[in-house]
Amino acid sequence: MLFDSGADRSFVSTTFGALLDVAPSTLDTFYAIELADGRIFETNIILRGCTLGLLGHPFKIDLMPVELGSFYVIIGMDWLAKYHALIICDEKVIRIPYGDKVELAQVTSKKAEDKSEEKRLEDVPIVREFSEVFLEDLPGLPPARQ
């Protein structure tokens, strides 16, 4: 889960959203969402009334399904403002009022994948099994279609 104060809305990955037992609704307006990799994703679909379990408490959240890479859910300003959440950057906590208490969510960083050692063809079992089909160096472009 990612708290993103730069996002107007909250989002769920399309793969994770499909697992939720919530019927999608159609909005009158399409939203253009710029993803972290610079791609623009347009949607007018929203999953209304999802339940976000956070700190042992249920919170209602509306989520727009988007093709996300690293996260299942991105919590945007719609939810942060609705629940009067306060992000305290230097303490790495998020304060969320709940009833007459204030809950604290400790922020931790997500461990980055080590991509320093790229996968090699021979690391893939099916490629090893059929090594004569998967050439290391391709001889060139395929012939033009007719």
N, C-alpha and C. Protein backbone atom coordinates (compact mmCIF):
# COMPACT_ATOMS: atom_id res chain seq x y z
N MET A 1 0.85 -1.16 0.00
CA MET A 1 0.00 0.00 0.00
C MET A 1 0.90 1.23 0.00
N LEU A 2 0.49 2.22 -0.77
CA LEU A 2 1.25 3.46 -0.88
C LEU A 2 0.32 4.62 -0.56
N PHE A 3 0.75 5.51 0.33
CA PHE A 3 0.02 6.75 0.60
C PHE A 3 0.61 7.80 -0.33
N ASP A 4 -0.22 8.38 -1.19
CA ASP A 4 0.26 9.33 -2.19
C ASP A 4 -0.53 10.63 -2.11
N SER A 5 0.07 11.63 -1.46
CA SER A 5 -0.62 12.92 -1.31
C SER A 5 -0.68 13.68 -2.63
N GLY A 6 0.01 13.19 -3.65
CA GLY A 6 -0.04 13.81 -4.98
C GLY A 6 -1.12 13.23 -5.87
N ALA A 7 -1.82 12.22 -5.38
CA ALA A 7 -2.89 11.58 -6.17
C ALA A 7 -4.24 12.10 -5.70
N ASP A 8 -5.06 12.57 -6.63
CA ASP A 8 -6.40 13.07 -6.28
C ASP A 8 -7.33 11.95 -5.83
N ARG A 9 -7.14 10.78 -6.41
CA ARG A 9 -8.01 9.63 -6.15
C ARG A 9 -7.19 8.48 -5.58
N SER A 10 -7.91 7.42 -5.16
CA SER A 10 -7.26 6.20 -4.68
C SER A 10 -7.42 5.12 -5.73
N PHE A 11 -6.43 4.24 -5.83
CA PHE A 11 -6.38 3.27 -6.91
C PHE A 11 -6.10 1.87 -6.37
N VAL A 12 -6.51 0.89 -7.16
CA VAL A 12 -6.23 -0.51 -6.87
C VAL A 12 -5.69 -1.13 -8.15
N SER A 13 -4.76 -2.06 -8.02
CA SER A 13 -4.26 -2.73 -9.22
C SER A 13 -5.40 -3.53 -9.85
N THR A 14 -5.40 -3.61 -11.16
CA THR A 14 -6.47 -4.33 -11.85
C THR A 14 -6.51 -5.80 -11.43
N THR A 15 -5.35 -6.39 -11.20
CA THR A 15 -5.33 -7.81 -10.80
C THR A 15 -5.89 -7.99 -9.40
N PHE A 16 -5.54 -7.11 -8.47
CA PHE A 16 -6.05 -7.22 -7.10
C PHE A 16 -7.52 -6.81 -7.05
N GLY A 17 -7.89 -5.79 -7.81
CA GLY A 17 -9.28 -5.33 -7.84
C GLY A 17 -10.25 -6.40 -8.31
N ALA A 18 -9.78 -7.26 -9.22
CA ALA A 18 -10.63 -8.35 -9.72
C ALA A 18 -10.95 -9.37 -8.62
N LEU A 19 -10.14 -9.41 -7.58
CA LEU A 19 -10.37 -10.35 -6.48
C LEU A 19 -11.37 -9.82 -5.45
N LEU A 20 -11.65 -8.52 -5.51
CA LEU A 20 -12.58 -7.91 -4.55
C LEU A 20 -14.01 -8.24 -4.94
N ASP A 21 -14.84 -8.42 -3.94
CA ASP A 21 -16.25 -8.74 -4.19
C ASP A 21 -17.06 -7.44 -4.23
N VAL A 22 -16.69 -6.56 -5.17
CA VAL A 22 -17.35 -5.27 -5.32
C VAL A 22 -17.68 -5.07 -6.79
N ALA A 23 -18.93 -4.75 -7.07
CA ALA A 23 -19.34 -4.53 -8.46
C ALA A 23 -18.82 -3.17 -8.94
N PRO A 24 -18.18 -3.14 -10.10
CA PRO A 24 -17.68 -1.86 -10.62
C PRO A 24 -18.82 -0.95 -11.05
N SER A 25 -18.63 0.35 -10.85
CA SER A 25 -19.58 1.37 -11.30
C SER A 25 -18.91 2.19 -12.39
N THR A 26 -19.73 2.78 -13.25
CA THR A 26 -19.21 3.62 -14.33
C THR A 26 -19.45 5.08 -13.97
N LEU A 27 -18.39 5.88 -14.09
CA LEU A 27 -18.50 7.32 -13.86
C LEU A 27 -18.87 8.02 -15.15
N ASP A 28 -19.47 9.19 -15.05
CA ASP A 28 -19.81 9.98 -16.23
C ASP A 28 -18.58 10.56 -16.91
N THR A 29 -17.51 10.72 -16.15
CA THR A 29 -16.28 11.35 -16.64
C THR A 29 -15.15 10.33 -16.69
N PHE A 30 -14.35 10.39 -17.75
CA PHE A 30 -13.13 9.59 -17.83
C PHE A 30 -12.02 10.34 -17.10
N TYR A 31 -11.17 9.61 -16.41
CA TYR A 31 -10.02 10.20 -15.74
C TYR A 31 -8.76 9.73 -16.44
N ALA A 32 -7.85 10.66 -16.72
CA ALA A 32 -6.54 10.33 -17.28
C ALA A 32 -5.57 10.29 -16.10
N ILE A 33 -4.98 9.13 -15.88
CA ILE A 33 -4.09 8.93 -14.75
C ILE A 33 -2.68 8.73 -15.27
N GLU A 34 -1.75 9.56 -14.80
CA GLU A 34 -0.35 9.39 -15.20
C GLU A 34 0.31 8.44 -14.22
N LEU A 35 0.83 7.34 -14.75
CA LEU A 35 1.48 6.33 -13.92
C LEU A 35 2.93 6.73 -13.66
N ALA A 36 3.57 6.05 -12.72
CA ALA A 36 4.94 6.37 -12.34
C ALA A 36 5.92 6.27 -13.51
N ASP A 37 5.63 5.38 -14.46
CA ASP A 37 6.53 5.22 -15.61
C ASP A 37 6.22 6.20 -16.74
N GLY A 38 5.29 7.13 -16.51
CA GLY A 38 4.97 8.15 -17.50
C GLY A 38 3.81 7.82 -18.41
N ARG A 39 3.36 6.56 -18.40
CA ARG A 39 2.22 6.19 -19.23
C ARG A 39 0.95 6.85 -18.71
N ILE A 40 0.02 7.11 -19.64
CA ILE A 40 -1.28 7.66 -19.27
C ILE A 40 -2.32 6.55 -19.39
N PHE A 41 -3.08 6.34 -18.33
CA PHE A 41 -4.11 5.30 -18.28
C PHE A 41 -5.44 6.01 -18.09
N GLU A 42 -6.41 5.75 -18.96
CA GLU A 42 -7.72 6.38 -18.85
C GLU A 42 -8.75 5.37 -18.37
N THR A 43 -9.61 5.82 -17.45
CA THR A 43 -10.67 4.95 -16.95
C THR A 43 -11.85 5.78 -16.45
N ASN A 44 -13.00 5.17 -16.48
CA ASN A 44 -14.19 5.75 -15.85
C ASN A 44 -14.86 4.71 -14.94
N ILE A 45 -14.07 3.74 -14.51
CA ILE A 45 -14.56 2.66 -13.65
C ILE A 45 -14.13 2.93 -12.21
N ILE A 46 -15.02 2.67 -11.28
CA ILE A 46 -14.70 2.84 -9.86
C ILE A 46 -15.34 1.70 -9.07
N LEU A 47 -14.65 1.25 -8.04
CA LEU A 47 -15.17 0.25 -7.11
C LEU A 47 -15.55 1.00 -5.84
N ARG A 48 -16.84 1.22 -5.66
CA ARG A 48 -17.32 2.04 -4.53
C ARG A 48 -17.54 1.19 -3.28
N GLY A 49 -17.19 1.77 -2.14
CA GLY A 49 -17.49 1.13 -0.86
C GLY A 49 -16.62 -0.05 -0.51
N CYS A 50 -15.40 -0.08 -1.00
CA CYS A 50 -14.47 -1.14 -0.60
C CYS A 50 -14.10 -0.91 0.87
N THR A 51 -13.67 -1.97 1.54
CA THR A 51 -13.25 -1.84 2.93
C THR A 51 -11.74 -1.98 3.01
N LEU A 52 -11.12 -0.96 3.60
CA LEU A 52 -9.68 -0.97 3.81
C LEU A 52 -9.45 -1.29 5.28
N GLY A 53 -8.84 -2.43 5.56
CA GLY A 53 -8.51 -2.78 6.93
C GLY A 53 -7.16 -2.18 7.28
N LEU A 54 -7.17 -1.23 8.19
CA LEU A 54 -5.93 -0.53 8.54
C LEU A 54 -5.88 -0.36 10.05
N LEU A 55 -4.81 -0.83 10.65
CA LEU A 55 -4.61 -0.73 12.09
C LEU A 55 -5.74 -1.39 12.88
N GLY A 56 -6.30 -2.45 12.31
CA GLY A 56 -7.36 -3.19 12.98
C GLY A 56 -8.73 -2.54 12.89
N HIS A 57 -8.86 -1.51 12.05
CA HIS A 57 -10.13 -0.81 11.90
C HIS A 57 -10.56 -0.83 10.44
N PRO A 58 -11.87 -0.91 10.19
CA PRO A 58 -12.36 -0.86 8.81
C PRO A 58 -12.58 0.59 8.37
N PHE A 59 -12.09 0.93 7.19
CA PHE A 59 -12.32 2.24 6.59
C PHE A 59 -12.91 2.01 5.21
N LYS A 60 -13.91 2.80 4.86
CA LYS A 60 -14.49 2.71 3.51
C LYS A 60 -13.62 3.50 2.55
N ILE A 61 -13.48 2.97 1.33
CA ILE A 61 -12.66 3.63 0.32
C ILE A 61 -13.21 3.30 -1.06
N ASP A 62 -13.20 4.28 -1.94
CA ASP A 62 -13.56 4.07 -3.35
C ASP A 62 -12.26 3.95 -4.13
N LEU A 63 -12.15 2.91 -4.94
CA LEU A 63 -10.91 2.63 -5.66
C LEU A 63 -11.14 2.56 -7.16
N MET A 64 -10.22 3.16 -7.90
CA MET A 64 -10.27 3.08 -9.37
C MET A 64 -9.25 2.03 -9.81
N PRO A 65 -9.68 1.00 -10.55
CA PRO A 65 -8.74 -0.02 -11.02
C PRO A 65 -7.81 0.54 -12.09
N VAL A 66 -6.51 0.34 -11.88
CA VAL A 66 -5.47 0.84 -12.78
C VAL A 66 -4.37 -0.21 -12.84
N GLU A 67 -3.66 -0.26 -13.95
CA GLU A 67 -2.52 -1.19 -14.08
C GLU A 67 -1.35 -0.66 -13.26
N LEU A 68 -1.23 -1.13 -12.02
CA LEU A 68 -0.15 -0.70 -11.14
C LEU A 68 0.98 -1.71 -11.19
N GLY A 69 2.18 -1.24 -10.94
CA GLY A 69 3.32 -2.13 -10.99
C GLY A 69 3.65 -2.74 -9.64
N SER A 70 4.06 -1.93 -8.68
CA SER A 70 4.62 -2.43 -7.43
C SER A 70 3.64 -2.51 -6.26
N PHE A 71 2.52 -1.85 -6.36
CA PHE A 71 1.60 -1.77 -5.22
C PHE A 71 0.23 -2.32 -5.59
N TYR A 72 -0.49 -2.84 -4.58
CA TYR A 72 -1.86 -3.29 -4.80
C TYR A 72 -2.83 -2.13 -4.68
N VAL A 73 -2.54 -1.21 -3.75
CA VAL A 73 -3.44 -0.08 -3.48
C VAL A 73 -2.62 1.19 -3.32
N ILE A 74 -3.12 2.28 -3.90
CA ILE A 74 -2.55 3.61 -3.69
C ILE A 74 -3.64 4.45 -3.03
N ILE A 75 -3.36 4.94 -1.84
CA ILE A 75 -4.30 5.77 -1.10
C ILE A 75 -4.04 7.22 -1.47
N GLY A 76 -5.03 7.87 -2.06
CA GLY A 76 -4.88 9.24 -2.52
C GLY A 76 -5.55 10.25 -1.60
N MET A 77 -5.57 11.50 -2.06
CA MET A 77 -6.10 12.60 -1.27
C MET A 77 -7.59 12.47 -0.97
N ASP A 78 -8.34 11.78 -1.83
CA ASP A 78 -9.77 11.61 -1.54
C ASP A 78 -9.96 10.92 -0.20
N TRP A 79 -9.21 9.85 0.05
CA TRP A 79 -9.32 9.10 1.29
C TRP A 79 -8.62 9.85 2.44
N LEU A 80 -7.43 10.38 2.18
CA LEU A 80 -6.67 11.08 3.21
C LEU A 80 -7.47 12.26 3.77
N ALA A 81 -8.14 13.02 2.90
CA ALA A 81 -8.95 14.16 3.34
C ALA A 81 -10.22 13.70 4.05
N LYS A 82 -10.87 12.67 3.53
CA LYS A 82 -12.12 12.17 4.12
C LYS A 82 -11.91 11.75 5.58
N TYR A 83 -10.78 11.11 5.86
CA TYR A 83 -10.51 10.62 7.21
C TYR A 83 -9.56 11.52 7.99
N HIS A 84 -9.30 12.71 7.49
CA HIS A 84 -8.46 13.71 8.17
C HIS A 84 -7.10 13.13 8.55
N ALA A 85 -6.55 12.32 7.66
CA ALA A 85 -5.25 11.70 7.91
C ALA A 85 -4.16 12.76 7.78
N LEU A 86 -3.12 12.60 8.57
CA LEU A 86 -2.02 13.54 8.57
C LEU A 86 -0.72 12.77 8.39
N ILE A 87 0.01 13.08 7.34
CA ILE A 87 1.29 12.42 7.08
C ILE A 87 2.39 13.25 7.73
N ILE A 88 3.10 12.66 8.68
CA ILE A 88 4.21 13.33 9.37
C ILE A 88 5.50 12.74 8.81
N CYS A 89 6.08 13.44 7.85
CA CYS A 89 7.22 12.90 7.11
C CYS A 89 8.43 12.63 8.00
N ASP A 90 8.81 13.59 8.86
CA ASP A 90 10.04 13.41 9.64
C ASP A 90 9.91 12.31 10.69
N GLU A 91 8.69 11.98 11.10
CA GLU A 91 8.47 10.89 12.05
C GLU A 91 8.15 9.57 11.34
N LYS A 92 7.91 9.65 10.04
CA LYS A 92 7.53 8.48 9.23
C LYS A 92 6.30 7.78 9.79
N VAL A 93 5.28 8.59 10.11
CA VAL A 93 4.02 8.05 10.60
C VAL A 93 2.86 8.75 9.89
N ILE A 94 1.72 8.10 9.91
CA ILE A 94 0.48 8.68 9.41
C ILE A 94 -0.51 8.64 10.57
N ARG A 95 -1.01 9.81 10.94
CA ARG A 95 -1.98 9.90 12.04
C ARG A 95 -3.38 9.90 11.44
N ILE A 96 -4.19 8.96 11.91
CA ILE A 96 -5.55 8.81 11.40
C ILE A 96 -6.51 8.83 12.59
N PRO A 97 -7.31 9.90 12.72
CA PRO A 97 -8.31 9.91 13.79
C PRO A 97 -9.33 8.79 13.58
N TYR A 98 -9.66 8.08 14.67
CA TYR A 98 -10.66 7.02 14.60
C TYR A 98 -11.46 7.08 15.89
N GLY A 99 -12.69 7.56 15.78
CA GLY A 99 -13.50 7.77 16.98
C GLY A 99 -12.86 8.86 17.83
N ASP A 100 -12.64 8.57 19.11
CA ASP A 100 -12.01 9.57 19.99
C ASP A 100 -10.52 9.31 20.16
N LYS A 101 -9.96 8.44 19.32
CA LYS A 101 -8.53 8.13 19.38
C LYS A 101 -7.85 8.59 18.09
N VAL A 102 -6.54 8.62 18.14
CA VAL A 102 -5.74 8.87 16.94
C VAL A 102 -4.85 7.66 16.75
N GLU A 103 -5.01 6.99 15.62
CA GLU A 103 -4.20 5.81 15.31
C GLU A 103 -2.95 6.25 14.56
N LEU A 104 -1.86 5.57 14.80
CA LEU A 104 -0.61 5.87 14.11
C LEU A 104 -0.22 4.70 13.23
N ALA A 105 -0.01 4.97 11.96
CA ALA A 105 0.49 3.94 11.04
C ALA A 105 1.97 4.22 10.82
N GLN A 106 2.80 3.26 11.15
CA GLN A 106 4.24 3.40 10.95
C GLN A 106 4.57 3.18 9.48
N VAL A 107 5.31 4.08 8.90
CA VAL A 107 5.67 3.98 7.49
C VAL A 107 7.00 3.25 7.37
N THR A 108 7.02 2.24 6.53
CA THR A 108 8.27 1.53 6.24
C THR A 108 8.50 1.58 4.74
N SER A 109 9.74 1.47 4.36
CA SER A 109 10.05 1.51 2.93
C SER A 109 9.96 0.12 2.36
N LYS A 110 9.55 0.06 1.11
CA LYS A 110 9.46 -1.21 0.41
C LYS A 110 10.84 -1.55 -0.12
N LYS A 111 11.28 -2.77 0.13
CA LYS A 111 12.59 -3.18 -0.33
C LYS A 111 12.60 -3.24 -1.85
N ALA A 112 13.56 -2.56 -2.45
CA ALA A 112 13.67 -2.54 -3.90
C ALA A 112 14.21 -3.88 -4.40
N GLU A 113 13.69 -4.30 -5.54
CA GLU A 113 14.18 -5.54 -6.14
C GLU A 113 15.60 -5.35 -6.60
N ASP A 114 16.41 -6.38 -6.39
CA ASP A 114 17.78 -6.34 -6.88
C ASP A 114 17.79 -6.81 -8.32
N LYS A 115 17.92 -5.86 -9.22
CA LYS A 115 17.94 -6.19 -10.64
C LYS A 115 19.36 -6.16 -11.20
N SER A 116 20.34 -6.16 -10.29
CA SER A 116 21.72 -6.07 -10.75
C SER A 116 22.13 -7.34 -11.50
N GLU A 117 21.53 -8.45 -11.12
CA GLU A 117 21.85 -9.70 -11.82
C GLU A 117 20.65 -10.07 -12.69
N GLU A 118 20.73 -9.71 -13.95
CA GLU A 118 19.63 -9.97 -14.88
C GLU A 118 19.48 -11.48 -15.10
N LYS A 119 18.25 -11.89 -15.37
CA LYS A 119 18.00 -13.29 -15.69
C LYS A 119 18.63 -13.62 -17.04
N ARG A 120 19.18 -14.80 -17.10
CA ARG A 120 19.73 -15.28 -18.36
C ARG A 120 18.76 -16.30 -18.93
N LEU A 121 18.83 -16.52 -20.23
CA LEU A 121 17.94 -17.49 -20.87
C LEU A 121 18.03 -18.86 -20.21
N GLU A 122 19.23 -19.27 -19.88
CA GLU A 122 19.39 -20.61 -19.31
C GLU A 122 18.84 -20.73 -17.89
N ASP A 123 18.43 -19.61 -17.28
CA ASP A 123 17.81 -19.64 -15.96
C ASP A 123 16.34 -20.06 -16.04
N VAL A 124 15.74 -20.00 -17.22
CA VAL A 124 14.33 -20.35 -17.40
C VAL A 124 14.24 -21.83 -17.74
N PRO A 125 13.54 -22.63 -16.90
CA PRO A 125 13.52 -24.09 -17.09
C PRO A 125 13.09 -24.54 -18.48
N ILE A 126 12.05 -23.96 -19.05
CA ILE A 126 11.57 -24.40 -20.36
C ILE A 126 12.59 -24.10 -21.46
N VAL A 127 13.33 -23.03 -21.29
CA VAL A 127 14.37 -22.68 -22.26
C VAL A 127 15.50 -23.71 -22.18
N ARG A 128 15.85 -24.12 -20.97
CA ARG A 128 16.88 -25.15 -20.81
C ARG A 128 16.46 -26.45 -21.48
N GLU A 129 15.17 -26.80 -21.32
CA GLU A 129 14.67 -28.05 -21.87
C GLU A 129 14.70 -28.05 -23.40
N PHE A 130 14.44 -26.90 -24.01
CA PHE A 130 14.40 -26.80 -25.47
C PHE A 130 15.46 -25.81 -25.96
N SER A 131 16.68 -25.99 -25.52
CA SER A 131 17.74 -25.03 -25.83
C SER A 131 18.02 -24.90 -27.32
N GLU A 132 17.76 -25.95 -28.11
CA GLU A 132 18.02 -25.85 -29.55
C GLU A 132 17.03 -24.91 -30.24
N VAL A 133 15.87 -24.67 -29.63
CA VAL A 133 14.87 -23.77 -30.21
C VAL A 133 15.18 -22.32 -29.86
N PHE A 134 15.67 -22.09 -28.63
CA PHE A 134 15.95 -20.74 -28.16
C PHE A 134 17.43 -20.44 -28.37
N LEU A 135 17.73 -19.85 -29.49
CA LEU A 135 19.11 -19.53 -29.82
C LEU A 135 19.60 -18.37 -28.97
N GLU A 136 20.86 -18.41 -28.58
CA GLU A 136 21.44 -17.33 -27.79
C GLU A 136 21.48 -16.04 -28.60
N ASP A 137 22.01 -16.13 -29.82
CA ASP A 137 22.07 -14.96 -30.70
C ASP A 137 21.14 -15.20 -31.88
N LEU A 138 20.22 -14.29 -32.09
CA LEU A 138 19.31 -14.42 -33.22
C LEU A 138 20.05 -14.08 -34.50
N PRO A 139 19.80 -14.83 -35.58
CA PRO A 139 20.52 -14.60 -36.83
C PRO A 139 20.12 -13.31 -37.53
N GLY A 140 19.00 -12.71 -37.17
CA GLY A 140 18.55 -11.48 -37.81
C GLY A 140 17.05 -11.34 -37.69
N LEU A 141 16.50 -10.38 -38.41
CA LEU A 141 15.06 -10.15 -38.39
C LEU A 141 14.34 -11.26 -39.15
N PRO A 142 13.11 -11.54 -38.77
CA PRO A 142 12.35 -12.55 -39.52
C PRO A 142 12.05 -12.03 -40.93
N PRO A 143 11.77 -12.94 -41.87
CA PRO A 143 11.47 -12.50 -43.24
C PRO A 143 10.18 -11.69 -43.28
N ALA A 144 10.06 -10.82 -44.26
CA ALA A 144 8.86 -9.98 -44.41
C ALA A 144 7.66 -10.85 -44.73
N ARG A 145 6.50 -10.47 -44.19
CA ARG A 145 5.27 -11.21 -44.46
C ARG A 145 4.77 -10.89 -45.86
N GLN A 146 4.07 -11.86 -46.43
CA GLN A 146 3.51 -11.62 -47.77
C GLN A 146 2.02 -11.69 -47.74
